[in-house]
Amino acid sequence: MMKGMNINIYRNIQLKTTVTACAVFLLFFTFQNVAMAWADTLAEDKNFNWPDFDRSAPLKREFTVVKHYNLVIREFSPPVVIEQLTTPIILDKVLYPEQTIRNHISAMRAGDYDWWLSSMDKIAREAVQAADEKNNFVEKRKEQWTAIMEGSVATMERWIETGRYLIITVRLHSTNNKNIPSEGIEIPLVLDVREGTWLITSKLRTDDPVYQNFNHPDFKEKGEVVIKRTIK
């Protein structure tokens, strides 16, 4: 179904601290092991004395790398209200990615941790569960779901194709939940066909520039976004 997609995604959402905390369910701890390895490397460097060889005077140079990301963005028109499920849609019956989104959001509203995990692929599921158990965070996560979901309406807003991945954005709206700003919160959820069905995945890096800027206004006004990043 996803064959032939040549796309990526962008995201740059400004949220309040409390909102960011409540949306922590999106963090899949993908780079935890990388950070630990980097810290170990730094520790080793401190104990190493580099040889003092003669070197030339520094020559300042620079090079420019240009990357193009082709996107396909569709909008749900009108946005689709995510109705609450009373029981999970079992994976064998999931035919469409929107069903996985409905499973995911319904599990959060129900405070059902196992149901929520079942909407993810194996890598994301095991990473989240291991981190939550290590940090004794399962109950805290449920409290965050209650805080952000209470009195809110969830709608599917955008359908964004990127390579083999699909991003569906979910917007939370509320007129009385203080954790949700008046314009709502739009959250991108990355899906992929895994284990024979559509599942939420952490495979698409969350530091990907397209993912980070998926809702950039220039996409509507100019059809493209240009980002310059300088490494010094």
C-alpha atoms as a PDB file:
ATOM      1  CA  MET A   1       0.000   0.000   0.000  1.00  0.00           C
ATOM      2  CA  MET A   2       2.823   2.360   0.840  1.00  0.00           C
ATOM      3  CA  LYS A   3       4.958   1.330  -2.178  1.00  0.00           C
ATOM      4  CA  GLY A   4       6.162   4.269  -4.218  1.00  0.00           C
ATOM      5  CA  MET A   5       5.855   6.834  -1.469  1.00  0.00           C
ATOM      6  CA  ASN A   6       8.745   9.284  -1.614  1.00  0.00           C
ATOM      7  CA  ILE A   7       8.210  11.550   1.296  1.00  0.00           C
ATOM      8  CA  ASN A   8       9.151  12.895   4.725  1.00  0.00           C
ATOM      9  CA  ILE A   9       7.661  14.986   7.421  1.00  0.00           C
ATOM     10  CA  TYR A  10       8.152  18.144   9.292  1.00  0.00           C
ATOM     11  CA  ARG A  11       7.284  19.376  12.705  1.00  0.00           C
ATOM     12  CA  ASN A  12       7.878  22.442  14.842  1.00  0.00           C
ATOM     13  CA  ILE A  13       5.263  22.712  17.584  1.00  0.00           C
ATOM     14  CA  GLN A  14       5.581  25.264  20.342  1.00  0.00           C
ATOM     15  CA  LEU A  15       3.936  23.918  23.480  1.00  0.00           C
ATOM     16  CA  LYS A  16       3.752  25.020  27.092  1.00  0.00           C
ATOM     17  CA  THR A  17       5.837  23.056  29.583  1.00  0.00           C
ATOM     18  CA  THR A  18       2.792  21.402  31.085  1.00  0.00           C
ATOM     19  CA  VAL A  19       1.502  20.416  27.671  1.00  0.00           C
ATOM     20  CA  THR A  20       4.873  19.002  26.685  1.00  0.00           C
ATOM     21  CA  ALA A  21       4.924  16.923  29.839  1.00  0.00           C
ATOM     22  CA  CYS A  22       1.446  15.586  29.109  1.00  0.00           C
ATOM     23  CA  ALA A  23       2.464  14.678  25.565  1.00  0.00           C
ATOM     24  CA  VAL A  24       5.415  12.632  26.812  1.00  0.00           C
ATOM     25  CA  PHE A  25       3.773   9.475  25.470  1.00  0.00           C
ATOM     26  CA  LEU A  26       5.309  10.377  22.096  1.00  0.00           C
ATOM     27  CA  LEU A  27       8.844   9.923  23.399  1.00  0.00           C
ATOM     28  CA  PHE A  28      10.002   6.427  22.541  1.00  0.00           C
ATOM     29  CA  PHE A  29      13.499   6.736  24.071  1.00  0.00           C
ATOM     30  CA  THR A  30      15.016   5.792  20.705  1.00  0.00           C
ATOM     31  CA  PHE A  31      18.339   7.439  21.377  1.00  0.00           C
ATOM     32  CA  GLN A  32      18.871   6.395  24.978  1.00  0.00           C
ATOM     33  CA  ASN A  33      21.567   3.819  24.207  1.00  0.00           C
ATOM     34  CA  VAL A  34      23.325   6.220  21.828  1.00  0.00           C
ATOM     35  CA  ALA A  35      23.538   8.856  24.541  1.00  0.00           C
ATOM     36  CA  MET A  36      24.983   6.363  27.012  1.00  0.00           C
ATOM     37  CA  ALA A  37      27.617   5.229  24.508  1.00  0.00           C
ATOM     38  CA  TRP A  38      28.587   8.845  23.797  1.00  0.00           C
ATOM     39  CA  ALA A  39      28.972   9.549  27.513  1.00  0.00           C
ATOM     40  CA  ASP A  40      31.273   6.537  27.862  1.00  0.00           C
ATOM     41  CA  THR A  41      33.392   7.790  24.967  1.00  0.00           C
ATOM     42  CA  LEU A  42      33.787  11.211  26.560  1.00  0.00           C
ATOM     43  CA  ALA A  43      34.853   9.596  29.816  1.00  0.00           C
ATOM     44  CA  GLU A  44      37.568   7.644  27.997  1.00  0.00           C
ATOM     45  CA  ASP A  45      38.807  10.767  26.206  1.00  0.00           C
ATOM     46  CA  LYS A  46      39.481  12.502  29.514  1.00  0.00           C
ATOM     47  CA  ASN A  47      41.979   9.799  30.406  1.00  0.00           C
ATOM     48  CA  PHE A  48      43.790   9.916  27.070  1.00  0.00           C
ATOM     49  CA  ASN A  49      46.755  12.200  26.307  1.00  0.00           C
ATOM     50  CA  TRP A  50      46.972  13.064  22.633  1.00  0.00           C
ATOM     51  CA  PRO A  51      50.510  13.086  21.126  1.00  0.00           C
ATOM     52  CA  ASP A  52      51.878  16.588  20.566  1.00  0.00           C
ATOM     53  CA  PHE A  53      52.770  16.403  16.862  1.00  0.00           C
ATOM     54  CA  ASP A  54      53.626  19.463  14.807  1.00  0.00           C
ATOM     55  CA  ARG A  55      50.703  20.672  12.741  1.00  0.00           C
ATOM     56  CA  SER A  56      50.195  23.394  10.158  1.00  0.00           C
ATOM     57  CA  ALA A  57      48.382  26.634  10.833  1.00  0.00           C
ATOM     58  CA  PRO A  58      44.597  26.170  10.798  1.00  0.00           C
ATOM     59  CA  LEU A  59      42.924  26.648   7.423  1.00  0.00           C
ATOM     60  CA  LYS A  60      39.320  27.752   7.641  1.00  0.00           C
ATOM     61  CA  ARG A  61      37.157  26.004   5.061  1.00  0.00           C
ATOM     62  CA  GLU A  62      33.500  25.201   4.651  1.00  0.00           C
ATOM     63  CA  PHE A  63      31.269  23.019   2.528  1.00  0.00           C
ATOM     64  CA  THR A  64      27.547  23.024   1.933  1.00  0.00           C
ATOM     65  CA  VAL A  65      25.294  19.983   1.872  1.00  0.00           C
ATOM     66  CA  VAL A  66      21.852  20.305   0.329  1.00  0.00           C
ATOM     67  CA  LYS A  67      19.155  17.725   1.004  1.00  0.00           C
ATOM     68  CA  HIS A  68      15.761  17.656  -0.668  1.00  0.00           C
ATOM     69  CA  TYR A  69      12.781  15.978   0.968  1.00  0.00           C
ATOM     70  CA  ASN A  70       9.694  15.398  -1.160  1.00  0.00           C
ATOM     71  CA  LEU A  71       6.432  15.399   0.774  1.00  0.00           C
ATOM     72  CA  VAL A  72       2.880  14.379   0.054  1.00  0.00           C
ATOM     73  CA  ILE A  73       0.523  16.092   2.468  1.00  0.00           C
ATOM     74  CA  ARG A  74      -3.213  15.563   2.551  1.00  0.00           C
ATOM     75  CA  GLU A  75      -5.702  17.013   5.013  1.00  0.00           C
ATOM     76  CA  PHE A  76      -8.723  15.280   6.456  1.00  0.00           C
ATOM     77  CA  SER A  77     -11.564  17.508   5.288  1.00  0.00           C
ATOM     78  CA  PRO A  78     -13.324  17.926   7.572  1.00  0.00           C
ATOM     79  CA  PRO A  79     -11.098  16.661  10.421  1.00  0.00           C
ATOM     80  CA  VAL A  80     -12.210  13.224  11.583  1.00  0.00           C
ATOM     81  CA  VAL A  81     -13.348  12.932  15.193  1.00  0.00           C
ATOM     82  CA  ILE A  82     -11.701   9.944  16.890  1.00  0.00           C
ATOM     83  CA  GLU A  83     -14.572   8.190  18.583  1.00  0.00           C
ATOM     84  CA  GLN A  84     -13.848   6.220  21.730  1.00  0.00           C
ATOM     85  CA  LEU A  85     -13.663   2.446  21.450  1.00  0.00           C
ATOM     86  CA  THR A  86     -14.972   0.303  24.295  1.00  0.00           C
ATOM     87  CA  THR A  87     -12.753  -2.626  23.307  1.00  0.00           C
ATOM     88  CA  PRO A  88      -9.607  -2.775  21.152  1.00  0.00           C
ATOM     89  CA  ILE A  89      -9.713  -3.473  17.454  1.00  0.00           C
ATOM     90  CA  ILE A  90      -7.653  -6.659  17.379  1.00  0.00           C
ATOM     91  CA  LEU A  91      -4.596  -6.482  15.131  1.00  0.00           C
ATOM     92  CA  ASP A  92      -5.925  -9.116  12.711  1.00  0.00           C
ATOM     93  CA  LYS A  93      -8.881  -6.818  12.023  1.00  0.00           C
ATOM     94  CA  VAL A  94      -6.836  -3.628  11.495  1.00  0.00           C
ATOM     95  CA  LEU A  95      -7.041  -2.832   7.782  1.00  0.00           C
ATOM     96  CA  TYR A  96      -6.461   0.921   7.797  1.00  0.00           C
ATOM     97  CA  PRO A  97      -3.964   3.172   9.625  1.00  0.00           C
ATOM     98  CA  GLU A  98      -6.832   5.280  10.993  1.00  0.00           C
ATOM     99  CA  GLN A  99      -7.935   2.240  13.006  1.00  0.00           C
ATOM    100  CA  THR A 100      -4.529   2.098  14.688  1.00  0.00           C
ATOM    101  CA  ILE A 101      -4.808   5.771  15.607  1.00  0.00           C
ATOM    102  CA  ARG A 102      -8.244   5.101  17.072  1.00  0.00           C
ATOM    103  CA  ASN A 103      -6.844   2.191  19.093  1.00  0.00           C
ATOM    104  CA  HIS A 104      -3.963   4.351  20.369  1.00  0.00           C
ATOM    105  CA  ILE A 105      -6.085   7.316  21.467  1.00  0.00           C
ATOM    106  CA  SER A 106      -8.866   5.145  22.908  1.00  0.00           C
ATOM    107  CA  ALA A 107      -6.314   3.260  25.014  1.00  0.00           C
ATOM    108  CA  MET A 108      -5.048   6.539  26.445  1.00  0.00           C
ATOM    109  CA  ARG A 109      -8.552   7.716  27.293  1.00  0.00           C
ATOM    110  CA  ALA A 110      -9.289   4.368  28.937  1.00  0.00           C
ATOM    111  CA  GLY A 111      -6.005   4.442  30.866  1.00  0.00           C
ATOM    112  CA  ASP A 112      -5.233   0.977  29.493  1.00  0.00           C
ATOM    113  CA  TYR A 113      -1.442   0.678  29.301  1.00  0.00           C
ATOM    114  CA  ASP A 114      -1.315  -2.775  27.660  1.00  0.00           C
ATOM    115  CA  TRP A 115      -3.847  -1.735  25.028  1.00  0.00           C
ATOM    116  CA  TRP A 116      -1.774   1.381  24.316  1.00  0.00           C
ATOM    117  CA  LEU A 117       1.415  -0.670  23.898  1.00  0.00           C
ATOM    118  CA  SER A 118      -0.355  -3.056  21.522  1.00  0.00           C
ATOM    119  CA  SER A 119      -0.778  -0.215  19.003  1.00  0.00           C
ATOM    120  CA  MET A 120       3.033   0.021  18.590  1.00  0.00           C
ATOM    121  CA  ASP A 121       5.507  -2.147  16.731  1.00  0.00           C
ATOM    122  CA  LYS A 122       7.812  -4.497  18.626  1.00  0.00           C
ATOM    123  CA  ILE A 123      10.805  -2.129  18.803  1.00  0.00           C
ATOM    124  CA  ALA A 124       8.800   0.842  20.079  1.00  0.00           C
ATOM    125  CA  ARG A 125       6.704  -1.316  22.397  1.00  0.00           C
ATOM    126  CA  GLU A 126       9.680  -2.950  24.092  1.00  0.00           C
ATOM    127  CA  ALA A 127      11.647   0.308  24.352  1.00  0.00           C
ATOM    128  CA  VAL A 128       8.776   2.210  25.977  1.00  0.00           C
ATOM    129  CA  GLN A 129       7.874  -0.594  28.353  1.00  0.00           C
ATOM    130  CA  ALA A 130      11.467  -1.155  29.454  1.00  0.00           C
ATOM    131  CA  ALA A 131      12.030   2.561  30.082  1.00  0.00           C
ATOM    132  CA  ASP A 132       8.728   2.983  31.937  1.00  0.00           C
ATOM    133  CA  GLU A 133       9.383   0.000  34.180  1.00  0.00           C
ATOM    134  CA  LYS A 134      12.952   1.088  34.875  1.00  0.00           C
ATOM    135  CA  ASN A 135      11.790   4.587  35.851  1.00  0.00           C
ATOM    136  CA  ASN A 136       8.626   3.393  37.629  1.00  0.00           C
ATOM    137  CA  PHE A 137       6.692   5.593  35.211  1.00  0.00           C
ATOM    138  CA  VAL A 138       3.653   3.533  34.197  1.00  0.00           C
ATOM    139  CA  GLU A 139       1.222   5.088  36.673  1.00  0.00           C
ATOM    140  CA  LYS A 140       2.641   8.562  36.078  1.00  0.00           C
ATOM    141  CA  ARG A 141       2.037   8.132  32.361  1.00  0.00           C
ATOM    142  CA  LYS A 142      -1.589   7.205  33.018  1.00  0.00           C
ATOM    143  CA  GLU A 143      -1.979  10.347  35.136  1.00  0.00           C
ATOM    144  CA  GLN A 144      -0.649  12.408  32.245  1.00  0.00           C
ATOM    145  CA  TRP A 145      -3.142  10.832  29.872  1.00  0.00           C
ATOM    146  CA  THR A 146      -5.963  11.763  32.218  1.00  0.00           C
ATOM    147  CA  ALA A 147      -4.663  15.324  32.540  1.00  0.00           C
ATOM    148  CA  ILE A 148      -4.507  15.951  28.808  1.00  0.00           C
ATOM    149  CA  MET A 149      -7.457  13.848  27.642  1.00  0.00           C
ATOM    150  CA  GLU A 150     -10.062  14.915  30.193  1.00  0.00           C
ATOM    151  CA  GLY A 151     -12.689  17.086  28.520  1.00  0.00           C
ATOM    152  CA  SER A 152     -10.846  17.065  25.183  1.00  0.00           C
ATOM    153  CA  VAL A 153     -11.855  16.084  21.659  1.00  0.00           C
ATOM    154  CA  ALA A 154      -9.327  14.356  19.384  1.00  0.00           C
ATOM    155  CA  THR A 155      -9.431  14.723  15.615  1.00  0.00           C
ATOM    156  CA  MET A 156      -7.283  13.415  12.761  1.00  0.00           C
ATOM    157  CA  GLU A 157      -5.998  16.430  10.818  1.00  0.00           C
ATOM    158  CA  ARG A 158      -3.245  15.521   8.318  1.00  0.00           C
ATOM    159  CA  TRP A 159      -2.097  12.518   6.318  1.00  0.00           C
ATOM    160  CA  ILE A 160       1.599  12.805   5.413  1.00  0.00           C
ATOM    161  CA  GLU A 161       3.505  10.196   3.409  1.00  0.00           C
ATOM    162  CA  THR A 162       7.266   9.831   3.789  1.00  0.00           C
ATOM    163  CA  GLY A 163       9.155   6.961   2.223  1.00  0.00           C
ATOM    164  CA  ARG A 164       7.713   3.801   3.714  1.00  0.00           C
ATOM    165  CA  TYR A 165       6.243   5.742   6.615  1.00  0.00           C
ATOM    166  CA  LEU A 166       2.929   7.472   7.140  1.00  0.00           C
ATOM    167  CA  ILE A 167       2.278  10.252   9.610  1.00  0.00           C
ATOM    168  CA  ILE A 168      -1.224  10.995  10.797  1.00  0.00           C
ATOM    169  CA  THR A 169      -1.513  14.053  13.008  1.00  0.00           C
ATOM    170  CA  VAL A 170      -3.957  14.163  15.890  1.00  0.00           C
ATOM    171  CA  ARG A 171      -5.200  17.466  17.272  1.00  0.00           C
ATOM    172  CA  LEU A 172      -6.537  17.704  20.820  1.00  0.00           C
ATOM    173  CA  HIS A 173      -9.097  20.440  21.421  1.00  0.00           C
ATOM    174  CA  SER A 174     -10.721  21.595  24.632  1.00  0.00           C
ATOM    175  CA  THR A 175     -12.508  24.663  25.926  1.00  0.00           C
ATOM    176  CA  ASN A 176     -12.016  23.825  29.590  1.00  0.00           C
ATOM    177  CA  ASN A 177      -8.786  21.791  29.891  1.00  0.00           C
ATOM    178  CA  LYS A 178      -6.078  24.179  31.095  1.00  0.00           C
ATOM    179  CA  ASN A 179      -3.357  21.858  29.765  1.00  0.00           C
ATOM    180  CA  ILE A 180      -4.497  22.448  26.183  1.00  0.00           C
ATOM    181  CA  PRO A 181      -4.006  25.874  24.551  1.00  0.00           C
ATOM    182  CA  SER A 182      -6.924  27.530  22.772  1.00  0.00           C
ATOM    183  CA  GLU A 183      -5.604  26.531  19.329  1.00  0.00           C
ATOM    184  CA  GLY A 184      -5.263  22.912  20.443  1.00  0.00           C
ATOM    185  CA  ILE A 185      -2.265  20.585  20.221  1.00  0.00           C
ATOM    186  CA  GLU A 186      -1.377  18.847  16.969  1.00  0.00           C
ATOM    187  CA  ILE A 187       0.688  15.698  17.491  1.00  0.00           C
ATOM    188  CA  PRO A 188       2.271  13.636  14.692  1.00  0.00           C
ATOM    189  CA  LEU A 189       2.088   9.858  15.038  1.00  0.00           C
ATOM    190  CA  VAL A 190       4.317   7.791  12.734  1.00  0.00           C
ATOM    191  CA  LEU A 191       2.955   4.539  11.341  1.00  0.00           C
ATOM    192  CA  ASP A 192       4.402   1.706   9.307  1.00  0.00           C
ATOM    193  CA  VAL A 193       3.262  -1.724   8.173  1.00  0.00           C
ATOM    194  CA  ARG A 194       4.872  -4.018  10.718  1.00  0.00           C
ATOM    195  CA  GLU A 195       3.981  -7.512  11.879  1.00  0.00           C
ATOM    196  CA  GLY A 196       1.454  -7.687   9.063  1.00  0.00           C
ATOM    197  CA  THR A 197      -0.556  -4.627  10.052  1.00  0.00           C
ATOM    198  CA  TRP A 198      -0.408  -0.875  10.632  1.00  0.00           C
ATOM    199  CA  LEU A 199       1.433  -0.005  13.855  1.00  0.00           C
ATOM    200  CA  ILE A 200       2.903   3.114  15.430  1.00  0.00           C
ATOM    201  CA  THR A 201       6.677   3.071  15.081  1.00  0.00           C
ATOM    202  CA  SER A 202       9.723   4.902  16.386  1.00  0.00           C
ATOM    203  CA  LYS A 203      11.709   4.042  13.242  1.00  0.00           C
ATOM    204  CA  LEU A 204      11.404   7.538  11.774  1.00  0.00           C
ATOM    205  CA  ARG A 205      13.867   9.661  13.722  1.00  0.00           C
ATOM    206  CA  THR A 206      12.165  12.375  15.730  1.00  0.00           C
ATOM    207  CA  ASP A 207      15.071  14.731  14.966  1.00  0.00           C
ATOM    208  CA  ASP A 208      14.362  14.430  11.245  1.00  0.00           C
ATOM    209  CA  PRO A 209      13.925  18.018   9.940  1.00  0.00           C
ATOM    210  CA  VAL A 210      10.807  17.105   7.980  1.00  0.00           C
ATOM    211  CA  TYR A 211       9.165  15.460  10.980  1.00  0.00           C
ATOM    212  CA  GLN A 212       9.987  18.452  13.144  1.00  0.00           C
ATOM    213  CA  ASN A 213       8.416  20.933  10.735  1.00  0.00           C
ATOM    214  CA  PHE A 214       5.451  19.011   9.346  1.00  0.00           C
ATOM    215  CA  ASN A 215       3.077  21.930   9.996  1.00  0.00           C
ATOM    216  CA  HIS A 216       5.323  24.738   8.786  1.00  0.00           C
ATOM    217  CA  PRO A 217       3.163  27.532   7.286  1.00  0.00           C
ATOM    218  CA  ASP A 218       5.377  27.754   4.189  1.00  0.00           C
ATOM    219  CA  PHE A 219       4.013  24.429   2.994  1.00  0.00           C
ATOM    220  CA  LYS A 220       0.660  26.094   2.341  1.00  0.00           C
ATOM    221  CA  GLU A 221       1.934  29.471   1.196  1.00  0.00           C
ATOM    222  CA  LYS A 222       5.002  28.502  -0.868  1.00  0.00           C
ATOM    223  CA  GLY A 223       4.836  24.744  -1.233  1.00  0.00           C
ATOM    224  CA  GLU A 224       8.317  24.325   0.233  1.00  0.00           C
ATOM    225  CA  VAL A 225      10.393  24.981   3.340  1.00  0.00           C
ATOM    226  CA  VAL A 226      14.063  25.914   3.305  1.00  0.00           C
ATOM    227  CA  ILE A 227      16.021  25.251   6.482  1.00  0.00           C
ATOM    228  CA  LYS A 228      19.643  26.241   6.958  1.00  0.00           C
ATOM    229  CA  ARG A 229      21.609  24.562   9.703  1.00  0.00           C
ATOM    230  CA  THR A 230      25.162  25.697  10.499  1.00  0.00           C
ATOM    231  CA  ILE A 231      27.584  23.402  12.305  1.00  0.00           C
ATOM    232  CA  LYS A 232      30.537  25.222  13.851  1.00  0.00           C
END
